[in-house]
Amino acid sequence: MESNPTEFEQNLLKDLYSYLKLHGEVDDIMPDAPDIEEKWVAVANSYMPDGIREFQQYPMTSIGWMMYVGMAVAQLWDVDWEKYSQVEDLYLMLRDVRGYDETDEYISQEVLGLDEKKQDELSKLVGNCAARTYNYLLHQNLEPGTAQALQGYLGCLHQMYLMGACVQLHRLGYHMVKV
């Protein structure tokens, strides 16, 4: 599911994927889902104004919401990709139902169909991944407001999107094994 990652992204991917694997949320092999990856640029372009606005006060929310979006896109891929692949802006479609602040709840409840207990578990998982990602970003010592800081943030969002998709594909029963 990865397209030309930077070294920063490769290291973050390894960390997040190892964490998720340790918790039984993904398989040993990362899924190959080019349809989901192809939506990344459109999702990122649409998300950036919201994400950047929220980052200063709520960095983990800004980062974590992208994992929910990745899960939702994987769910939509499974449900009816012929239909949803035609949606020009999947992020806005997801966000605009309840607004940015409730994107996580909307995705958990309505898109993924999780009960309250599963929603809480997912919230903790996403929170832990967002905390790991934010910590990783902080340790890069990027100067705020620079192009490098923006690229670092975008790299974090990209990996969270991919990890969300990986987790949801795994939960849907798409298991990757060596042949």
C-alpha atoms as a PDB file:
ATOM      1  CA  MET A   1       0.000   0.000   0.000  1.00  0.00           C
ATOM      2  CA  GLU A   2       3.018   2.261  -0.005  1.00  0.00           C
ATOM      3  CA  SER A   3       4.120   4.578  -2.787  1.00  0.00           C
ATOM      4  CA  ASN A   4       7.616   6.102  -2.656  1.00  0.00           C
ATOM      5  CA  PRO A   5       7.826   6.759   1.079  1.00  0.00           C
ATOM      6  CA  THR A   6      10.517   9.021   2.507  1.00  0.00           C
ATOM      7  CA  GLU A   7      12.930   7.594   5.081  1.00  0.00           C
ATOM      8  CA  PHE A   8      10.900   9.440   7.724  1.00  0.00           C
ATOM      9  CA  GLU A   9       7.730   7.664   6.567  1.00  0.00           C
ATOM     10  CA  GLN A  10       9.439   4.282   6.256  1.00  0.00           C
ATOM     11  CA  ASN A  11      10.627   4.469   9.858  1.00  0.00           C
ATOM     12  CA  LEU A  12       7.232   5.612  11.097  1.00  0.00           C
ATOM     13  CA  LEU A  13       5.519   2.875   9.099  1.00  0.00           C
ATOM     14  CA  LYS A  14       7.793   0.233  10.674  1.00  0.00           C
ATOM     15  CA  ASP A  15       7.056   1.549  14.149  1.00  0.00           C
ATOM     16  CA  LEU A  16       3.295   1.751  13.712  1.00  0.00           C
ATOM     17  CA  TYR A  17       3.026  -1.538  11.867  1.00  0.00           C
ATOM     18  CA  SER A  18       5.077  -3.324  14.543  1.00  0.00           C
ATOM     19  CA  TYR A  19       2.865  -1.838  17.238  1.00  0.00           C
ATOM     20  CA  LEU A  20      -0.318  -2.905  15.440  1.00  0.00           C
ATOM     21  CA  LYS A  21       1.089  -6.368  14.737  1.00  0.00           C
ATOM     22  CA  LEU A  22       2.015  -6.789  18.409  1.00  0.00           C
ATOM     23  CA  HIS A  23      -1.630  -6.044  19.287  1.00  0.00           C
ATOM     24  CA  GLY A  24      -3.031  -8.443  16.662  1.00  0.00           C
ATOM     25  CA  GLU A  25      -4.510  -5.665  14.522  1.00  0.00           C
ATOM     26  CA  VAL A  26      -2.601  -6.513  11.308  1.00  0.00           C
ATOM     27  CA  ASP A  27      -0.938  -9.496   9.649  1.00  0.00           C
ATOM     28  CA  ASP A  28       2.774 -10.105   9.157  1.00  0.00           C
ATOM     29  CA  ILE A  29       2.510  -8.804   5.594  1.00  0.00           C
ATOM     30  CA  MET A  30       1.129  -5.376   4.770  1.00  0.00           C
ATOM     31  CA  PRO A  31      -1.843  -5.532   2.394  1.00  0.00           C
ATOM     32  CA  ASP A  32      -1.570  -4.310  -1.162  1.00  0.00           C
ATOM     33  CA  ALA A  33      -4.598  -2.107  -1.830  1.00  0.00           C
ATOM     34  CA  PRO A  34      -3.824   0.307  -4.670  1.00  0.00           C
ATOM     35  CA  ASP A  35      -7.449   1.487  -4.872  1.00  0.00           C
ATOM     36  CA  ILE A  36      -7.235   2.814  -1.311  1.00  0.00           C
ATOM     37  CA  GLU A  37      -3.765   4.293  -1.828  1.00  0.00           C
ATOM     38  CA  GLU A  38      -4.947   6.082  -4.988  1.00  0.00           C
ATOM     39  CA  LYS A  39      -7.444   8.061  -2.891  1.00  0.00           C
ATOM     40  CA  TRP A  40      -4.694   9.353  -0.574  1.00  0.00           C
ATOM     41  CA  VAL A  41      -3.799  12.543  -2.460  1.00  0.00           C
ATOM     42  CA  ALA A  42      -7.423  13.677  -2.745  1.00  0.00           C
ATOM     43  CA  VAL A  43      -8.097  12.814   0.908  1.00  0.00           C
ATOM     44  CA  ALA A  44      -4.948  14.625   2.062  1.00  0.00           C
ATOM     45  CA  ASN A  45      -5.641  17.750   0.011  1.00  0.00           C
ATOM     46  CA  SER A  46      -9.151  17.928   1.413  1.00  0.00           C
ATOM     47  CA  TYR A  47      -8.098  17.163   5.006  1.00  0.00           C
ATOM     48  CA  MET A  48      -5.182  19.590   5.266  1.00  0.00           C
ATOM     49  CA  PRO A  49      -7.173  22.773   6.056  1.00  0.00           C
ATOM     50  CA  ASP A  50      -8.978  21.009   8.930  1.00  0.00           C
ATOM     51  CA  GLY A  51      -5.934  19.106  10.130  1.00  0.00           C
ATOM     52  CA  ILE A  52      -3.597  22.093  10.154  1.00  0.00           C
ATOM     53  CA  ARG A  53      -6.187  24.286  11.883  1.00  0.00           C
ATOM     54  CA  GLU A  54      -6.609  21.705  14.663  1.00  0.00           C
ATOM     55  CA  PHE A  55      -2.968  20.676  15.000  1.00  0.00           C
ATOM     56  CA  GLN A  56      -1.756  23.436  17.318  1.00  0.00           C
ATOM     57  CA  GLN A  57      -4.335  22.818  20.055  1.00  0.00           C
ATOM     58  CA  TYR A  58      -5.205  19.192  19.346  1.00  0.00           C
ATOM     59  CA  PRO A  59      -2.260  17.520  17.603  1.00  0.00           C
ATOM     60  CA  MET A  60      -3.267  13.967  18.421  1.00  0.00           C
ATOM     61  CA  THR A  61      -6.788  14.533  17.168  1.00  0.00           C
ATOM     62  CA  SER A  62      -5.433  16.111  14.002  1.00  0.00           C
ATOM     63  CA  ILE A  63      -3.213  13.074  13.425  1.00  0.00           C
ATOM     64  CA  GLY A  64      -5.601  10.425  14.767  1.00  0.00           C
ATOM     65  CA  TRP A  65      -8.608  11.393  12.691  1.00  0.00           C
ATOM     66  CA  MET A  66      -6.673  10.296   9.607  1.00  0.00           C
ATOM     67  CA  MET A  67      -6.522   6.726  10.900  1.00  0.00           C
ATOM     68  CA  TYR A  68     -10.307   6.767  11.157  1.00  0.00           C
ATOM     69  CA  VAL A  69     -10.499   8.092   7.596  1.00  0.00           C
ATOM     70  CA  GLY A  70      -8.226   5.282   6.380  1.00  0.00           C
ATOM     71  CA  MET A  71     -10.460   2.744   8.103  1.00  0.00           C
ATOM     72  CA  ALA A  72     -13.556   4.300   6.541  1.00  0.00           C
ATOM     73  CA  VAL A  73     -12.053   4.256   3.047  1.00  0.00           C
ATOM     74  CA  ALA A  74     -11.147   0.565   3.473  1.00  0.00           C
ATOM     75  CA  GLN A  75     -14.702  -0.140   4.657  1.00  0.00           C
ATOM     76  CA  LEU A  76     -16.164   1.696   1.668  1.00  0.00           C
ATOM     77  CA  TRP A  77     -13.793  -0.232  -0.603  1.00  0.00           C
ATOM     78  CA  ASP A  78     -15.221  -3.473   0.786  1.00  0.00           C
ATOM     79  CA  VAL A  79     -18.859  -2.376   0.695  1.00  0.00           C
ATOM     80  CA  ASP A  80     -19.136  -0.945  -2.825  1.00  0.00           C
ATOM     81  CA  TRP A  81     -15.958   0.412  -4.367  1.00  0.00           C
ATOM     82  CA  GLU A  82     -17.595   0.811  -7.760  1.00  0.00           C
ATOM     83  CA  LYS A  83     -19.865   3.395  -6.138  1.00  0.00           C
ATOM     84  CA  TYR A  84     -17.466   5.013  -3.665  1.00  0.00           C
ATOM     85  CA  SER A  85     -14.501   5.216  -6.017  1.00  0.00           C
ATOM     86  CA  GLN A  86     -16.576   7.719  -7.999  1.00  0.00           C
ATOM     87  CA  VAL A  87     -16.983  10.047  -5.005  1.00  0.00           C
ATOM     88  CA  GLU A  88     -14.738  13.001  -5.721  1.00  0.00           C
ATOM     89  CA  ASP A  89     -14.015  13.860  -2.084  1.00  0.00           C
ATOM     90  CA  LEU A  90     -14.371  10.958   0.333  1.00  0.00           C
ATOM     91  CA  TYR A  91     -13.050  12.983   3.251  1.00  0.00           C
ATOM     92  CA  LEU A  92     -15.686  15.697   2.885  1.00  0.00           C
ATOM     93  CA  MET A  93     -18.346  13.030   2.439  1.00  0.00           C
ATOM     94  CA  LEU A  94     -17.318  11.531   5.793  1.00  0.00           C
ATOM     95  CA  ARG A  95     -16.715  14.814   7.628  1.00  0.00           C
ATOM     96  CA  ASP A  96     -19.786  16.692   6.531  1.00  0.00           C
ATOM     97  CA  VAL A  97     -22.315  14.280   8.018  1.00  0.00           C
ATOM     98  CA  ARG A  98     -21.604  15.479  11.601  1.00  0.00           C
ATOM     99  CA  GLY A  99     -18.708  17.904  11.235  1.00  0.00           C
ATOM    100  CA  TYR A 100     -15.002  17.624  11.956  1.00  0.00           C
ATOM    101  CA  ASP A 101     -15.305  17.270  15.730  1.00  0.00           C
ATOM    102  CA  GLU A 102     -17.459  14.161  15.412  1.00  0.00           C
ATOM    103  CA  THR A 103     -15.701  12.520  12.476  1.00  0.00           C
ATOM    104  CA  ASP A 104     -14.401   9.738  14.722  1.00  0.00           C
ATOM    105  CA  GLU A 105     -17.831   8.980  16.160  1.00  0.00           C
ATOM    106  CA  TYR A 106     -19.529   9.049  12.769  1.00  0.00           C
ATOM    107  CA  ILE A 107     -16.986   6.676  11.260  1.00  0.00           C
ATOM    108  CA  SER A 108     -17.019   4.348  14.277  1.00  0.00           C
ATOM    109  CA  GLN A 109     -20.794   4.223  14.595  1.00  0.00           C
ATOM    110  CA  GLU A 110     -22.184   4.627  11.105  1.00  0.00           C
ATOM    111  CA  VAL A 111     -19.461   3.575   8.668  1.00  0.00           C
ATOM    112  CA  LEU A 112     -17.863   0.778  10.695  1.00  0.00           C
ATOM    113  CA  GLY A 113     -21.019  -0.114  12.660  1.00  0.00           C
ATOM    114  CA  LEU A 114     -19.240  -0.610  15.981  1.00  0.00           C
ATOM    115  CA  ASP A 115     -21.014  -1.003  19.305  1.00  0.00           C
ATOM    116  CA  GLU A 116     -20.034   1.196  22.239  1.00  0.00           C
ATOM    117  CA  LYS A 117     -17.430  -1.226  23.611  1.00  0.00           C
ATOM    118  CA  LYS A 118     -15.748  -1.626  20.215  1.00  0.00           C
ATOM    119  CA  GLN A 119     -15.836   2.148  19.720  1.00  0.00           C
ATOM    120  CA  ASP A 120     -13.980   2.631  23.005  1.00  0.00           C
ATOM    121  CA  GLU A 121     -11.412   0.000  22.049  1.00  0.00           C
ATOM    122  CA  LEU A 122     -10.891   1.621  18.665  1.00  0.00           C
ATOM    123  CA  SER A 123     -10.590   5.057  20.252  1.00  0.00           C
ATOM    124  CA  LYS A 124      -7.793   3.754  22.498  1.00  0.00           C
ATOM    125  CA  LEU A 125      -6.027   2.087  19.565  1.00  0.00           C
ATOM    126  CA  VAL A 126      -6.203   5.232  17.430  1.00  0.00           C
ATOM    127  CA  GLY A 127      -5.140   7.360  20.393  1.00  0.00           C
ATOM    128  CA  ASN A 128      -2.108   5.164  21.006  1.00  0.00           C
ATOM    129  CA  CYS A 129      -1.137   5.265  17.328  1.00  0.00           C
ATOM    130  CA  ALA A 130      -1.620   9.035  17.222  1.00  0.00           C
ATOM    131  CA  ALA A 131       0.518   9.466  20.360  1.00  0.00           C
ATOM    132  CA  ARG A 132       3.294   7.318  18.874  1.00  0.00           C
ATOM    133  CA  THR A 133       3.111   9.278  15.643  1.00  0.00           C
ATOM    134  CA  TYR A 134       3.106  12.674  17.340  1.00  0.00           C
ATOM    135  CA  ASN A 135       6.028  11.648  19.539  1.00  0.00           C
ATOM    136  CA  TYR A 136       7.914  10.481  16.457  1.00  0.00           C
ATOM    137  CA  LEU A 137       7.218  13.808  14.724  1.00  0.00           C
ATOM    138  CA  LEU A 138       8.379  15.810  17.757  1.00  0.00           C
ATOM    139  CA  HIS A 139      11.649  13.881  17.860  1.00  0.00           C
ATOM    140  CA  GLN A 140      12.455  15.016  14.328  1.00  0.00           C
ATOM    141  CA  ASN A 141      13.146  18.505  15.692  1.00  0.00           C
ATOM    142  CA  LEU A 142      11.501  20.185  12.724  1.00  0.00           C
ATOM    143  CA  GLU A 143      11.136  23.942  12.972  1.00  0.00           C
ATOM    144  CA  PRO A 144       7.423  24.838  13.132  1.00  0.00           C
ATOM    145  CA  GLY A 145       6.076  26.641  10.105  1.00  0.00           C
ATOM    146  CA  THR A 146       8.718  25.331   7.718  1.00  0.00           C
ATOM    147  CA  ALA A 147       8.280  23.260   4.586  1.00  0.00           C
ATOM    148  CA  GLN A 148      10.043  20.402   6.383  1.00  0.00           C
ATOM    149  CA  ALA A 149       7.570  20.548   9.253  1.00  0.00           C
ATOM    150  CA  LEU A 150       4.670  20.469   6.803  1.00  0.00           C
ATOM    151  CA  GLN A 151       6.210  17.484   4.991  1.00  0.00           C
ATOM    152  CA  GLY A 152       6.702  15.728   8.328  1.00  0.00           C
ATOM    153  CA  TYR A 153       3.082  16.322   9.287  1.00  0.00           C
ATOM    154  CA  LEU A 154       1.881  15.141   5.893  1.00  0.00           C
ATOM    155  CA  GLY A 155       4.051  12.020   6.228  1.00  0.00           C
ATOM    156  CA  CYS A 156       2.439  11.317   9.601  1.00  0.00           C
ATOM    157  CA  LEU A 157      -1.029  11.679   8.136  1.00  0.00           C
ATOM    158  CA  HIS A 158      -0.130   9.399   5.237  1.00  0.00           C
ATOM    159  CA  GLN A 159       1.055   6.634   7.533  1.00  0.00           C
ATOM    160  CA  MET A 160      -1.983   6.968   9.787  1.00  0.00           C
ATOM    161  CA  TYR A 161      -4.247   6.706   6.723  1.00  0.00           C
ATOM    162  CA  LEU A 162      -2.424   3.574   5.600  1.00  0.00           C
ATOM    163  CA  MET A 163      -2.480   2.030   9.070  1.00  0.00           C
ATOM    164  CA  GLY A 164      -6.200   2.708   9.351  1.00  0.00           C
ATOM    165  CA  ALA A 165      -6.760   0.958   6.043  1.00  0.00           C
ATOM    166  CA  CYS A 166      -4.554  -1.983   7.086  1.00  0.00           C
ATOM    167  CA  VAL A 167      -6.390  -2.411  10.379  1.00  0.00           C
ATOM    168  CA  GLN A 168      -9.804  -2.298   8.756  1.00  0.00           C
ATOM    169  CA  LEU A 169      -8.859  -4.698   5.957  1.00  0.00           C
ATOM    170  CA  HIS A 170      -7.602  -7.095   8.627  1.00  0.00           C
ATOM    171  CA  ARG A 171     -10.823  -6.708  10.602  1.00  0.00           C
ATOM    172  CA  LEU A 172     -12.810  -7.389   7.443  1.00  0.00           C
ATOM    173  CA  GLY A 173     -10.993 -10.688   7.003  1.00  0.00           C
ATOM    174  CA  TYR A 174      -8.489  -9.777   4.313  1.00  0.00           C
ATOM    175  CA  HIS A 175      -5.434 -11.603   5.584  1.00  0.00           C
ATOM    176  CA  MET A 176      -2.063 -11.398   3.931  1.00  0.00           C
ATOM    177  CA  VAL A 177       0.036 -14.561   3.964  1.00  0.00           C
ATOM    178  CA  LYS A 178       3.212 -15.637   2.185  1.00  0.00           C
ATOM    179  CA  VAL A 179       2.577 -17.926  -0.759  1.00  0.00           C
END
